[in-house]
Amino acid sequence: MNCGPNAIRTDTVGTTGLLAVERKESRDVIGYCGLIDTGRGATGEPEIAFELLKRSQRRGYATEASLAVLEWARSSGYERLWATVWDWNTASRRVLAKIGFTETDRKEVDPVRGTTLFVTLRL
């Protein structure tokens, strides 16, 4: 992975958007990670989002990419981020906990898919 202080390059402060997650050696795109403004959060509080190809999961890439996005968010002036995750998605819940998010709410929004957890992180 190509994550570090200069891994995310943008000229616009306070931007949101999804970024490609690439393997450093091959430059293969293996997923995305970034900040999105869905309109569901408070003004100025974007949601962190990430998803990796199945073959790239369980290798620490989501954690590494998410940490780079957190640093980008801090340097862009955001004070708080949030995320949603299905309660059964243990891997994503683990990534969010590892990078410092804490559960703040639970909603049964879908009788088929289950409960959605809301997590937040003060930067």
PDB file of N, CA and C in Angstrom:
ATOM      1  N   MET A   1       0.844  -1.174   0.000  1.00  0.00           N
ATOM      2  CA  MET A   1       0.000   0.000   0.000  1.00  0.00           C
ATOM      3  C   MET A   1       0.883   1.228   0.000  1.00  0.00           C
ATOM      4  N   ASN A   2       0.376   2.274  -0.580  1.00  0.00           N
ATOM      5  CA  ASN A   2       1.087   3.544  -0.626  1.00  0.00           C
ATOM      6  C   ASN A   2       0.417   4.511   0.331  1.00  0.00           C
ATOM      7  N   CYS A   3       0.577   4.289   1.634  1.00  0.00           N
ATOM      8  CA  CYS A   3      -0.026   5.156   2.637  1.00  0.00           C
ATOM      9  C   CYS A   3       1.075   5.789   3.461  1.00  0.00           C
ATOM     10  N   GLY A   4       0.903   7.000   3.801  1.00  0.00           N
ATOM     11  CA  GLY A   4       1.860   7.758   4.574  1.00  0.00           C
ATOM     12  C   GLY A   4       1.481   9.211   4.478  1.00  0.00           C
ATOM     13  N   PRO A   5       2.332  10.109   4.975  1.00  0.00           N
ATOM     14  CA  PRO A   5       1.971  11.513   5.003  1.00  0.00           C
ATOM     15  C   PRO A   5       1.635  12.092   3.636  1.00  0.00           C
ATOM     16  N   ASN A   6       2.246  11.587   2.574  1.00  0.00           N
ATOM     17  CA  ASN A   6       1.998  12.143   1.245  1.00  0.00           C
ATOM     18  C   ASN A   6       1.170  11.219   0.359  1.00  0.00           C
ATOM     19  N   ALA A   7       0.526  10.222   0.945  1.00  0.00           N
ATOM     20  CA  ALA A   7      -0.220   9.248   0.148  1.00  0.00           C
ATOM     21  C   ALA A   7      -1.477   9.854  -0.462  1.00  0.00           C
ATOM     22  N   ILE A   8      -2.079  10.817   0.214  1.00  0.00           N
ATOM     23  CA  ILE A   8      -3.286  11.460  -0.294  1.00  0.00           C
ATOM     24  C   ILE A   8      -2.911  12.860  -0.735  1.00  0.00           C
ATOM     25  N   ARG A   9      -3.141  13.123  -1.994  1.00  0.00           N
ATOM     26  CA  ARG A   9      -2.780  14.421  -2.552  1.00  0.00           C
ATOM     27  C   ARG A   9      -4.033  15.117  -3.060  1.00  0.00           C
ATOM     28  N   THR A  10      -4.298  16.296  -2.537  1.00  0.00           N
ATOM     29  CA  THR A  10      -5.413  17.110  -2.999  1.00  0.00           C
ATOM     30  C   THR A  10      -5.074  18.571  -2.778  1.00  0.00           C
ATOM     31  N   ASP A  11      -5.561  19.421  -3.635  1.00  0.00           N
ATOM     32  CA  ASP A  11      -5.326  20.856  -3.497  1.00  0.00           C
ATOM     33  C   ASP A  11      -6.469  21.551  -2.778  1.00  0.00           C
ATOM     34  N   THR A  12      -7.543  20.835  -2.507  1.00  0.00           N
ATOM     35  CA  THR A  12      -8.724  21.446  -1.926  1.00  0.00           C
ATOM     36  C   THR A  12      -8.848  21.056  -0.464  1.00  0.00           C
ATOM     37  N   VAL A  13      -8.837  22.043   0.418  1.00  0.00           N
ATOM     38  CA  VAL A  13      -8.988  21.791   1.849  1.00  0.00           C
ATOM     39  C   VAL A  13     -10.461  21.530   2.147  1.00  0.00           C
ATOM     40  N   GLY A  14     -10.717  20.568   3.020  1.00  0.00           N
ATOM     41  CA  GLY A  14     -12.077  20.286   3.442  1.00  0.00           C
ATOM     42  C   GLY A  14     -12.902  19.555   2.399  1.00  0.00           C
ATOM     43  N   THR A  15     -12.266  18.836   1.520  1.00  0.00           N
ATOM     44  CA  THR A  15     -13.006  18.125   0.483  1.00  0.00           C
ATOM     45  C   THR A  15     -13.449  16.761   0.971  1.00  0.00           C
ATOM     46  N   THR A  16     -14.420  16.216   0.281  1.00  0.00           N
ATOM     47  CA  THR A  16     -14.818  14.832   0.509  1.00  0.00           C
ATOM     48  C   THR A  16     -14.668  14.099  -0.816  1.00  0.00           C
ATOM     49  N   GLY A  17     -14.614  12.815  -0.734  1.00  0.00           N
ATOM     50  CA  GLY A  17     -14.523  12.008  -1.942  1.00  0.00           C
ATOM     51  C   GLY A  17     -13.899  10.667  -1.636  1.00  0.00           C
ATOM     52  N   LEU A  18     -14.140   9.732  -2.528  1.00  0.00           N
ATOM     53  CA  LEU A  18     -13.572   8.400  -2.392  1.00  0.00           C
ATOM     54  C   LEU A  18     -12.307   8.313  -3.222  1.00  0.00           C
ATOM     55  N   LEU A  19     -11.307   7.685  -2.657  1.00  0.00           N
ATOM     56  CA  LEU A  19     -10.007   7.554  -3.300  1.00  0.00           C
ATOM     57  C   LEU A  19      -9.711   6.089  -3.572  1.00  0.00           C
ATOM     58  N   ALA A  20      -9.025   5.829  -4.653  1.00  0.00           N
ATOM     59  CA  ALA A  20      -8.627   4.457  -4.970  1.00  0.00           C
ATOM     60  C   ALA A  20      -7.572   3.995  -3.975  1.00  0.00           C
ATOM     61  N   VAL A  21      -7.699   2.770  -3.515  1.00  0.00           N
ATOM     62  CA  VAL A  21      -6.677   2.137  -2.686  1.00  0.00           C
ATOM     63  C   VAL A  21      -5.863   1.256  -3.629  1.00  0.00           C
ATOM     64  N   GLU A  22      -4.566   1.534  -3.692  1.00  0.00           N
ATOM     65  CA  GLU A  22      -3.683   0.808  -4.611  1.00  0.00           C
ATOM     66  C   GLU A  22      -2.624   0.033  -3.841  1.00  0.00           C
ATOM     67  N   ARG A  23      -2.239  -1.110  -4.390  1.00  0.00           N
ATOM     68  CA  ARG A  23      -1.068  -1.817  -3.871  1.00  0.00           C
ATOM     69  C   ARG A  23       0.157  -1.071  -4.373  1.00  0.00           C
ATOM     70  N   LYS A  24       1.084  -0.796  -3.480  1.00  0.00           N
ATOM     71  CA  LYS A  24       2.259   0.007  -3.822  1.00  0.00           C
ATOM     72  C   LYS A  24       3.100  -0.638  -4.921  1.00  0.00           C
ATOM     73  N   GLU A  25       3.338  -1.936  -4.799  1.00  0.00           N
ATOM     74  CA  GLU A  25       4.239  -2.614  -5.733  1.00  0.00           C
ATOM     75  C   GLU A  25       3.674  -2.665  -7.151  1.00  0.00           C
ATOM     76  N   SER A  26       2.409  -3.010  -7.274  1.00  0.00           N
ATOM     77  CA  SER A  26       1.829  -3.250  -8.601  1.00  0.00           C
ATOM     78  C   SER A  26       0.960  -2.099  -9.102  1.00  0.00           C
ATOM     79  N   ARG A  27       0.585  -1.185  -8.207  1.00  0.00           N
ATOM     80  CA  ARG A  27      -0.342  -0.088  -8.520  1.00  0.00           C
ATOM     81  C   ARG A  27      -1.731  -0.605  -8.887  1.00  0.00           C
ATOM     82  N   ASP A  28      -2.011  -1.870  -8.568  1.00  0.00           N
ATOM     83  CA  ASP A  28      -3.347  -2.425  -8.793  1.00  0.00           C
ATOM     84  C   ASP A  28      -4.329  -1.766  -7.834  1.00  0.00           C
ATOM     85  N   VAL A  29      -5.480  -1.362  -8.335  1.00  0.00           N
ATOM     86  CA  VAL A  29      -6.531  -0.814  -7.484  1.00  0.00           C
ATOM     87  C   VAL A  29      -7.236  -1.991  -6.813  1.00  0.00           C
ATOM     88  N   ILE A  30      -7.298  -1.943  -5.472  1.00  0.00           N
ATOM     89  CA  ILE A  30      -7.886  -3.047  -4.716  1.00  0.00           C
ATOM     90  C   ILE A  30      -9.122  -2.624  -3.929  1.00  0.00           C
ATOM     91  N   GLY A  31      -9.528  -1.361  -4.062  1.00  0.00           N
ATOM     92  CA  GLY A  31     -10.705  -0.896  -3.344  1.00  0.00           C
ATOM     93  C   GLY A  31     -10.754   0.611  -3.301  1.00  0.00           C
ATOM     94  N   TYR A  32     -11.541   1.120  -2.353  1.00  0.00           N
ATOM     95  CA  TYR A  32     -11.642   2.568  -2.171  1.00  0.00           C
ATOM     96  C   TYR A  32     -11.725   2.895  -0.687  1.00  0.00           C
ATOM     97  N   CYS A  33     -11.409   4.134  -0.373  1.00  0.00           N
ATOM     98  CA  CYS A  33     -11.517   4.633   0.994  1.00  0.00           C
ATOM     99  C   CYS A  33     -11.603   6.143   0.898  1.00  0.00           C
ATOM    100  N   GLY A  34     -12.380   6.754   1.755  1.00  0.00           N
ATOM    101  CA  GLY A  34     -12.456   8.208   1.721  1.00  0.00           C
ATOM    102  C   GLY A  34     -13.558   8.746   2.604  1.00  0.00           C
ATOM    103  N   LEU A  35     -13.877   9.998   2.375  1.00  0.00           N
ATOM    104  CA  LEU A  35     -14.907  10.702   3.123  1.00  0.00           C
ATOM    105  C   LEU A  35     -16.054  11.026   2.184  1.00  0.00           C
ATOM    106  N   ILE A  36     -17.273  10.773   2.648  1.00  0.00           N
ATOM    107  CA  ILE A  36     -18.441  11.087   1.838  1.00  0.00           C
ATOM    108  C   ILE A  36     -19.409  11.946   2.637  1.00  0.00           C
ATOM    109  N   ASP A  37     -20.128  12.796   1.944  1.00  0.00           N
ATOM    110  CA  ASP A  37     -21.147  13.635   2.572  1.00  0.00           C
ATOM    111  C   ASP A  37     -22.493  13.151   2.076  1.00  0.00           C
ATOM    112  N   THR A  38     -23.142  12.340   2.889  1.00  0.00           N
ATOM    113  CA  THR A  38     -24.417  11.746   2.499  1.00  0.00           C
ATOM    114  C   THR A  38     -25.598  12.618   2.882  1.00  0.00           C
ATOM    115  N   GLY A  39     -25.344  13.677   3.652  1.00  0.00           N
ATOM    116  CA  GLY A  39     -26.429  14.511   4.128  1.00  0.00           C
ATOM    117  C   GLY A  39     -27.101  13.953   5.369  1.00  0.00           C
ATOM    118  N   ARG A  40     -26.660  12.778   5.828  1.00  0.00           N
ATOM    119  CA  ARG A  40     -27.261  12.170   7.020  1.00  0.00           C
ATOM    120  C   ARG A  40     -26.590  12.627   8.306  1.00  0.00           C
ATOM    121  N   GLY A  41     -25.354  13.102   8.214  1.00  0.00           N
ATOM    122  CA  GLY A  41     -24.624  13.537   9.399  1.00  0.00           C
ATOM    123  C   GLY A  41     -24.795  15.030   9.632  1.00  0.00           C
ATOM    124  N   ALA A  42     -24.210  15.495  10.717  1.00  0.00           N
ATOM    125  CA  ALA A  42     -24.235  16.925  11.012  1.00  0.00           C
ATOM    126  C   ALA A  42     -23.399  17.672   9.970  1.00  0.00           C
ATOM    127  N   THR A  43     -23.695  18.932   9.781  1.00  0.00           N
ATOM    128  CA  THR A  43     -22.942  19.753   8.839  1.00  0.00           C
ATOM    129  C   THR A  43     -21.469  19.745   9.220  1.00  0.00           C
ATOM    130  N   GLY A  44     -20.611  19.503   8.244  1.00  0.00           N
ATOM    131  CA  GLY A  44     -19.176  19.488   8.500  1.00  0.00           C
ATOM    132  C   GLY A  44     -18.657  18.202   9.095  1.00  0.00           C
ATOM    133  N   GLU A  45     -19.495  17.168   9.142  1.00  0.00           N
ATOM    134  CA  GLU A  45     -19.079  15.869   9.676  1.00  0.00           C
ATOM    135  C   GLU A  45     -19.326  14.791   8.629  1.00  0.00           C
ATOM    136  N   PRO A  46     -18.334  14.526   7.775  1.00  0.00           N
ATOM    137  CA  PRO A  46     -18.515  13.504   6.744  1.00  0.00           C
ATOM    138  C   PRO A  46     -18.411  12.093   7.314  1.00  0.00           C
ATOM    139  N   GLU A  47     -18.841  11.163   6.509  1.00  0.00           N
ATOM    140  CA  GLU A  47     -18.769   9.744   6.861  1.00  0.00           C
ATOM    141  C   GLU A  47     -17.526   9.142   6.220  1.00  0.00           C
ATOM    142  N   ILE A  48     -16.782   8.341   6.985  1.00  0.00           N
ATOM    143  CA  ILE A  48     -15.665   7.600   6.397  1.00  0.00           C
ATOM    144  C   ILE A  48     -16.246   6.321   5.785  1.00  0.00           C
ATOM    145  N   ALA A  49     -15.763   5.978   4.611  1.00  0.00           N
ATOM    146  CA  ALA A  49     -16.257   4.788   3.916  1.00  0.00           C
ATOM    147  C   ALA A  49     -15.078   4.045   3.305  1.00  0.00           C
ATOM    148  N   PHE A  50     -15.150   2.730   3.325  1.00  0.00           N
ATOM    149  CA  PHE A  50     -14.101   1.918   2.698  1.00  0.00           C
ATOM    150  C   PHE A  50     -14.682   0.586   2.266  1.00  0.00           C
ATOM    151  N   GLU A  51     -14.096   0.032   1.216  1.00  0.00           N
ATOM    152  CA  GLU A  51     -14.455  -1.303   0.742  1.00  0.00           C
ATOM    153  C   GLU A  51     -13.295  -1.818  -0.098  1.00  0.00           C
ATOM    154  N   LEU A  52     -12.936  -3.067   0.138  1.00  0.00           N
ATOM    155  CA  LEU A  52     -11.838  -3.694  -0.599  1.00  0.00           C
ATOM    156  C   LEU A  52     -12.327  -4.931  -1.333  1.00  0.00           C
ATOM    157  N   LEU A  53     -11.638  -5.256  -2.417  1.00  0.00           N
ATOM    158  CA  LEU A  53     -11.922  -6.503  -3.114  1.00  0.00           C
ATOM    159  C   LEU A  53     -11.692  -7.672  -2.162  1.00  0.00           C
ATOM    160  N   LYS A  54     -12.478  -8.697  -2.285  1.00  0.00           N
ATOM    161  CA  LYS A  54     -12.393  -9.854  -1.390  1.00  0.00           C
ATOM    162  C   LYS A  54     -10.968 -10.404  -1.288  1.00  0.00           C
ATOM    163  N   ARG A  55     -10.276 -10.489  -2.410  1.00  0.00           N
ATOM    164  CA  ARG A  55      -8.919 -11.064  -2.406  1.00  0.00           C
ATOM    165  C   ARG A  55      -7.910 -10.191  -1.651  1.00  0.00           C
ATOM    166  N   SER A  56      -8.274  -8.956  -1.344  1.00  0.00           N
ATOM    167  CA  SER A  56      -7.361  -8.046  -0.646  1.00  0.00           C
ATOM    168  C   SER A  56      -7.745  -7.835   0.812  1.00  0.00           C
ATOM    169  N   GLN A  57      -8.765  -8.520   1.270  1.00  0.00           N
ATOM    170  CA  GLN A  57      -9.208  -8.363   2.649  1.00  0.00           C
ATOM    171  C   GLN A  57      -8.342  -9.183   3.600  1.00  0.00           C
ATOM    172  N   ARG A  58      -8.398  -8.815   4.883  1.00  0.00           N
ATOM    173  CA  ARG A  58      -7.683  -9.513   5.964  1.00  0.00           C
ATOM    174  C   ARG A  58      -6.164  -9.392   5.851  1.00  0.00           C
ATOM    175  N   ARG A  59      -5.701  -8.274   5.295  1.00  0.00           N
ATOM    176  CA  ARG A  59      -4.255  -8.035   5.166  1.00  0.00           C
ATOM    177  C   ARG A  59      -3.837  -6.696   5.765  1.00  0.00           C
ATOM    178  N   GLY A  60      -4.779  -6.007   6.407  1.00  0.00           N
ATOM    179  CA  GLY A  60      -4.463  -4.722   7.026  1.00  0.00           C
ATOM    180  C   GLY A  60      -4.598  -3.527   6.101  1.00  0.00           C
ATOM    181  N   TYR A  61      -4.988  -3.754   4.853  1.00  0.00           N
ATOM    182  CA  TYR A  61      -5.079  -2.648   3.900  1.00  0.00           C
ATOM    183  C   TYR A  61      -6.174  -1.646   4.277  1.00  0.00           C
ATOM    184  N   ALA A  62      -7.322  -2.128   4.748  1.00  0.00           N
ATOM    185  CA  ALA A  62      -8.414  -1.217   5.119  1.00  0.00           C
ATOM    186  C   ALA A  62      -8.001  -0.338   6.296  1.00  0.00           C
ATOM    187  N   THR A  63      -7.309  -0.920   7.261  1.00  0.00           N
ATOM    188  CA  THR A  63      -6.827  -0.140   8.402  1.00  0.00           C
ATOM    189  C   THR A  63      -5.817   0.899   7.945  1.00  0.00           C
ATOM    190  N   GLU A  64      -4.874   0.495   7.123  1.00  0.00           N
ATOM    191  CA  GLU A  64      -3.839   1.410   6.635  1.00  0.00           C
ATOM    192  C   GLU A  64      -4.443   2.558   5.825  1.00  0.00           C
ATOM    193  N   ALA A  65      -5.360   2.238   4.933  1.00  0.00           N
ATOM    194  CA  ALA A  65      -5.997   3.276   4.120  1.00  0.00           C
ATOM    195  C   ALA A  65      -6.850   4.202   4.982  1.00  0.00           C
ATOM    196  N   SER A  66      -7.572   3.635   5.943  1.00  0.00           N
ATOM    197  CA  SER A  66      -8.422   4.445   6.818  1.00  0.00           C
ATOM    198  C   SER A  66      -7.601   5.390   7.680  1.00  0.00           C
ATOM    199  N   LEU A  67      -6.457   4.930   8.167  1.00  0.00           N
ATOM    200  CA  LEU A  67      -5.580   5.809   8.953  1.00  0.00           C
ATOM    201  C   LEU A  67      -5.072   6.972   8.106  1.00  0.00           C
ATOM    202  N   ALA A  68      -4.752   6.717   6.842  1.00  0.00           N
ATOM    203  CA  ALA A  68      -4.317   7.798   5.949  1.00  0.00           C
ATOM    204  C   ALA A  68      -5.453   8.798   5.736  1.00  0.00           C
ATOM    205  N   VAL A  69      -6.684   8.301   5.589  1.00  0.00           N
ATOM    206  CA  VAL A  69      -7.836   9.192   5.416  1.00  0.00           C
ATOM    207  C   VAL A  69      -8.080  10.000   6.688  1.00  0.00           C
ATOM    208  N   LEU A  70      -7.881   9.389   7.868  1.00  0.00           N
ATOM    209  CA  LEU A  70      -8.031  10.139   9.125  1.00  0.00           C
ATOM    210  C   LEU A  70      -7.039  11.291   9.194  1.00  0.00           C
ATOM    211  N   GLU A  71      -5.800  11.047   8.807  1.00  0.00           N
ATOM    212  CA  GLU A  71      -4.798  12.121   8.805  1.00  0.00           C
ATOM    213  C   GLU A  71      -5.182  13.216   7.817  1.00  0.00           C
ATOM    214  N   TRP A  72      -5.685  12.814   6.665  1.00  0.00           N
ATOM    215  CA  TRP A  72      -6.163  13.766   5.662  1.00  0.00           C
ATOM    216  C   TRP A  72      -7.305  14.597   6.244  1.00  0.00           C
ATOM    217  N   ALA A  73      -8.236  13.948   6.950  1.00  0.00           N
ATOM    218  CA  ALA A  73      -9.371  14.651   7.554  1.00  0.00           C
ATOM    219  C   ALA A  73      -8.899  15.654   8.602  1.00  0.00           C
ATOM    220  N   ARG A  74      -7.958  15.233   9.452  1.00  0.00           N
ATOM    221  CA  ARG A  74      -7.413  16.150  10.465  1.00  0.00           C
ATOM    222  C   ARG A  74      -6.778  17.374   9.810  1.00  0.00           C
ATOM    223  N   SER A  75      -5.942  17.131   8.809  1.00  0.00           N
ATOM    224  CA  SER A  75      -5.240  18.243   8.160  1.00  0.00           C
ATOM    225  C   SER A  75      -6.190  19.118   7.346  1.00  0.00           C
ATOM    226  N   SER A  76      -7.367  18.595   7.019  1.00  0.00           N
ATOM    227  CA  SER A  76      -8.371  19.369   6.281  1.00  0.00           C
ATOM    228  C   SER A  76      -9.283  20.155   7.212  1.00  0.00           C
ATOM    229  N   GLY A  77      -9.103  19.982   8.526  1.00  0.00           N
ATOM    230  CA  GLY A  77      -9.857  20.775   9.487  1.00  0.00           C
ATOM    231  C   GLY A  77     -11.128  20.146  10.021  1.00  0.00           C
ATOM    232  N   TYR A  78     -11.398  18.895   9.685  1.00  0.00           N
ATOM    233  CA  TYR A  78     -12.582  18.238  10.246  1.00  0.00           C
ATOM    234  C   TYR A  78     -12.359  17.967  11.726  1.00  0.00           C
ATOM    235  N   GLU A  79     -13.439  18.065  12.509  1.00  0.00           N
ATOM    236  CA  GLU A  79     -13.339  17.835  13.949  1.00  0.00           C
ATOM    237  C   GLU A  79     -13.907  16.488  14.380  1.00  0.00           C
ATOM    238  N   ARG A  80     -14.803  15.939  13.556  1.00  0.00           N
ATOM    239  CA  ARG A  80     -15.419  14.665  13.922  1.00  0.00           C
ATOM    240  C   ARG A  80     -15.847  13.935  12.655  1.00  0.00           C
ATOM    241  N   LEU A  81     -15.696  12.617  12.671  1.00  0.00           N
ATOM    242  CA  LEU A  81     -16.148  11.761  11.578  1.00  0.00           C
ATOM    243  C   LEU A  81     -17.111  10.724  12.143  1.00  0.00           C
ATOM    244  N   TRP A  82     -17.881  10.143  11.285  1.00  0.00           N
ATOM    245  CA  TRP A  82     -18.785   9.074  11.697  1.00  0.00           C
ATOM    246  C   TRP A  82     -18.804   8.000  10.616  1.00  0.00           C
ATOM    247  N   ALA A  83     -19.377   6.864  10.944  1.00  0.00           N
ATOM    248  CA  ALA A  83     -19.508   5.764   9.989  1.00  0.00           C
ATOM    249  C   ALA A  83     -20.706   4.915  10.386  1.00  0.00           C
ATOM    250  N   THR A  84     -21.204   4.168   9.425  1.00  0.00           N
ATOM    251  CA  THR A  84     -22.230   3.165   9.700  1.00  0.00           C
ATOM    252  C   THR A  84     -21.683   1.815   9.256  1.00  0.00           C
ATOM    253  N   VAL A  85     -22.114   0.791   9.948  1.00  0.00           N
ATOM    254  CA  VAL A  85     -21.661  -0.565   9.619  1.00  0.00           C
ATOM    255  C   VAL A  85     -22.737  -1.543  10.092  1.00  0.00           C
ATOM    256  N   TRP A  86     -22.976  -2.577   9.291  1.00  0.00           N
ATOM    257  CA  TRP A  86     -23.916  -3.619   9.716  1.00  0.00           C
ATOM    258  C   TRP A  86     -23.329  -4.342  10.921  1.00  0.00           C
ATOM    259  N   ASP A  87     -24.178  -4.709  11.878  1.00  0.00           N
ATOM    260  CA  ASP A  87     -23.673  -5.369  13.088  1.00  0.00           C
ATOM    261  C   ASP A  87     -22.990  -6.698  12.782  1.00  0.00           C
ATOM    262  N   TRP A  88     -23.346  -7.375  11.702  1.00  0.00           N
ATOM    263  CA  TRP A  88     -22.736  -8.663  11.352  1.00  0.00           C
ATOM    264  C   TRP A  88     -21.405  -8.512  10.615  1.00  0.00           C
ATOM    265  N   ASN A  89     -21.029  -7.297  10.230  1.00  0.00           N
ATOM    266  CA  ASN A  89     -19.789  -7.074   9.476  1.00  0.00           C
ATOM    267  C   ASN A  89     -18.614  -6.924  10.450  1.00  0.00           C
ATOM    268  N   THR A  90     -18.188  -8.043  10.978  1.00  0.00           N
ATOM    269  CA  THR A  90     -17.147  -8.071  12.006  1.00  0.00           C
ATOM    270  C   THR A  90     -15.842  -7.437  11.536  1.00  0.00           C
ATOM    271  N   ALA A  91     -15.439  -7.697  10.308  1.00  0.00           N
ATOM    272  CA  ALA A  91     -14.164  -7.164   9.806  1.00  0.00           C
ATOM    273  C   ALA A  91     -14.177  -5.636   9.776  1.00  0.00           C
ATOM    274  N   SER A  92     -15.231  -5.038   9.242  1.00  0.00           N
ATOM    275  CA  SER A  92     -15.304  -3.573   9.187  1.00  0.00           C
ATOM    276  C   SER A  92     -15.447  -2.979  10.584  1.00  0.00           C
ATOM    277  N   ARG A  93     -16.196  -3.646  11.453  1.00  0.00           N
ATOM    278  CA  ARG A  93     -16.313  -3.172  12.837  1.00  0.00           C
ATOM    279  C   ARG A  93     -14.945  -3.169  13.513  1.00  0.00           C
ATOM    280  N   ARG A  94     -14.154  -4.196  13.241  1.00  0.00           N
ATOM    281  CA  ARG A  94     -12.809  -4.294  13.821  1.00  0.00           C
ATOM    282  C   ARG A  94     -11.912  -3.161  13.311  1.00  0.00           C
ATOM    283  N   VAL A  95     -11.977  -2.872  12.006  1.00  0.00           N
ATOM    284  CA  VAL A  95     -11.182  -1.770  11.438  1.00  0.00           C
ATOM    285  C   VAL A  95     -11.571  -0.460  12.110  1.00  0.00           C
ATOM    286  N   LEU A  96     -12.863  -0.186  12.205  1.00  0.00           N
ATOM    287  CA  LEU A  96     -13.320   1.075  12.800  1.00  0.00           C
ATOM    288  C   LEU A  96     -12.895   1.184  14.266  1.00  0.00           C
ATOM    289  N   ALA A  97     -12.973   0.091  15.022  1.00  0.00           N
ATOM    290  CA  ALA A  97     -12.533   0.111  16.421  1.00  0.00           C
ATOM    291  C   ALA A  97     -11.025   0.326  16.506  1.00  0.00           C
ATOM    292  N   LYS A  98     -10.284  -0.328  15.626  1.00  0.00           N
ATOM    293  CA  LYS A  98      -8.820  -0.222  15.624  1.00  0.00           C
ATOM    294  C   LYS A  98      -8.348   1.210  15.383  1.00  0.00           C
ATOM    295  N   ILE A  99      -9.082   1.955  14.562  1.00  0.00           N
ATOM    296  CA  ILE A  99      -8.657   3.325  14.253  1.00  0.00           C
ATOM    297  C   ILE A  99      -9.297   4.355  15.183  1.00  0.00           C
ATOM    298  N   GLY A 100     -10.031   3.878  16.204  1.00  0.00           N
ATOM    299  CA  GLY A 100     -10.483   4.770  17.259  1.00  0.00           C
ATOM    300  C   GLY A 100     -11.956   5.119  17.310  1.00  0.00           C
ATOM    301  N   PHE A 101     -12.782   4.580  16.426  1.00  0.00           N
ATOM    302  CA  PHE A 101     -14.211   4.877  16.445  1.00  0.00           C
ATOM    303  C   PHE A 101     -14.890   4.139  17.589  1.00  0.00           C
ATOM    304  N   THR A 102     -15.925   4.756  18.154  1.00  0.00           N
ATOM    305  CA  THR A 102     -16.710   4.118  19.206  1.00  0.00           C
ATOM    306  C   THR A 102     -18.182   4.126  18.813  1.00  0.00           C
ATOM    307  N   GLU A 103     -18.878   3.065  19.213  1.00  0.00           N
ATOM    308  CA  GLU A 103     -20.299   2.943  18.889  1.00  0.00           C
ATOM    309  C   GLU A 103     -21.102   3.989  19.647  1.00  0.00           C
ATOM    310  N   THR A 104     -22.004   4.671  18.935  1.00  0.00           N
ATOM    311  CA  THR A 104     -22.841   5.694  19.558  1.00  0.00           C
ATOM    312  C   THR A 104     -24.328   5.396  19.441  1.00  0.00           C
ATOM    313  N   ASP A 105     -24.720   4.508  18.527  1.00  0.00           N
ATOM    314  CA  ASP A 105     -26.147   4.228  18.349  1.00  0.00           C
ATOM    315  C   ASP A 105     -26.324   2.943  17.545  1.00  0.00           C
ATOM    316  N   ARG A 106     -27.512   2.362  17.644  1.00  0.00           N
ATOM    317  CA  ARG A 106     -27.898   1.177  16.865  1.00  0.00           C
ATOM    318  C   ARG A 106     -29.305   1.413  16.328  1.00  0.00           C
ATOM    319  N   LYS A 107     -29.507   1.029  15.079  1.00  0.00           N
ATOM    320  CA  LYS A 107     -30.840   1.165  14.476  1.00  0.00           C
ATOM    321  C   LYS A 107     -31.167  -0.103  13.703  1.00  0.00           C
ATOM    322  N   GLU A 108     -32.351  -0.632  13.930  1.00  0.00           N
ATOM    323  CA  GLU A 108     -32.846  -1.761  13.135  1.00  0.00           C
ATOM    324  C   GLU A 108     -33.502  -1.143  11.905  1.00  0.00           C
ATOM    325  N   VAL A 109     -32.729  -1.006  10.839  1.00  0.00           N
ATOM    326  CA  VAL A 109     -33.234  -0.319   9.648  1.00  0.00           C
ATOM    327  C   VAL A 109     -33.668  -1.276   8.549  1.00  0.00           C
ATOM    328  N   ASP A 110     -33.272  -2.505   8.643  1.00  0.00           N
ATOM    329  CA  ASP A 110     -33.572  -3.464   7.585  1.00  0.00           C
ATOM    330  C   ASP A 110     -33.815  -4.833   8.212  1.00  0.00           C
ATOM    331  N   PRO A 111     -35.052  -5.334   8.146  1.00  0.00           N
ATOM    332  CA  PRO A 111     -35.342  -6.618   8.779  1.00  0.00           C
ATOM    333  C   PRO A 111     -34.569  -7.787   8.167  1.00  0.00           C
ATOM    334  N   VAL A 112     -34.111  -7.649   6.934  1.00  0.00           N
ATOM    335  CA  VAL A 112     -33.355  -8.717   6.282  1.00  0.00           C
ATOM    336  C   VAL A 112     -31.870  -8.610   6.601  1.00  0.00           C
ATOM    337  N   ARG A 113     -31.305  -7.408   6.450  1.00  0.00           N
ATOM    338  CA  ARG A 113     -29.858  -7.229   6.636  1.00  0.00           C
ATOM    339  C   ARG A 113     -29.473  -7.003   8.090  1.00  0.00           C
ATOM    340  N   GLY A 114     -30.410  -6.600   8.917  1.00  0.00           N
ATOM    341  CA  GLY A 114     -30.111  -6.473  10.334  1.00  0.00           C
ATOM    342  C   GLY A 114     -29.956  -5.057  10.834  1.00  0.00           C
ATOM    343  N   THR A 115     -29.198  -4.949  11.899  1.00  0.00           N
ATOM    344  CA  THR A 115     -29.018  -3.701  12.623  1.00  0.00           C
ATOM    345  C   THR A 115     -27.817  -2.939  12.094  1.00  0.00           C
ATOM    346  N   THR A 116     -27.984  -1.635  11.978  1.00  0.00           N
ATOM    347  CA  THR A 116     -26.881  -0.760  11.597  1.00  0.00           C
ATOM    348  C   THR A 116     -26.314  -0.130  12.857  1.00  0.00           C
ATOM    349  N   LEU A 117     -24.999  -0.151  12.987  1.00  0.00           N
ATOM    350  CA  LEU A 117     -24.325   0.513  14.096  1.00  0.00           C
ATOM    351  C   LEU A 117     -23.804   1.858  13.607  1.00  0.00           C
ATOM    352  N   PHE A 118     -23.933   2.872  14.437  1.00  0.00           N
ATOM    353  CA  PHE A 118     -23.376   4.185  14.151  1.00  0.00           C
ATOM    354  C   PHE A 118     -22.171   4.374  15.058  1.00  0.00           C
ATOM    355  N   VAL A 119     -21.052   4.775  14.480  1.00  0.00           N
ATOM    356  CA  VAL A 119     -19.827   4.983  15.248  1.00  0.00           C
ATOM    357  C   VAL A 119     -19.274   6.366  14.929  1.00  0.00           C
ATOM    358  N   THR A 120     -18.594   6.974  15.907  1.00  0.00           N
ATOM    359  CA  THR A 120     -18.026   8.306  15.702  1.00  0.00           C
ATOM    360  C   THR A 120     -16.593   8.357  16.217  1.00  0.00           C
ATOM    361  N   LEU A 121     -15.874   9.363  15.734  1.00  0.00           N
ATOM    362  CA  LEU A 121     -14.504   9.612  16.170  1.00  0.00           C
ATOM    363  C   LEU A 121     -14.266  11.109  16.187  1.00  0.00           C
ATOM    364  N   ARG A 122     -13.872  11.630  17.360  1.00  0.00           N
ATOM    365  CA  ARG A 122     -13.485  13.034  17.457  1.00  0.00           C
ATOM    366  C   ARG A 122     -12.017  13.127  17.080  1.00  0.00           C
ATOM    367  N   LEU A 123     -11.704  14.045  16.153  1.00  0.00           N
ATOM    368  CA  LEU A 123     -10.328  14.144  15.643  1.00  0.00           C
ATOM    369  C   LEU A 123      -9.481  15.081  16.478  1.00  0.00           C
TER     370      LEU A 123
END
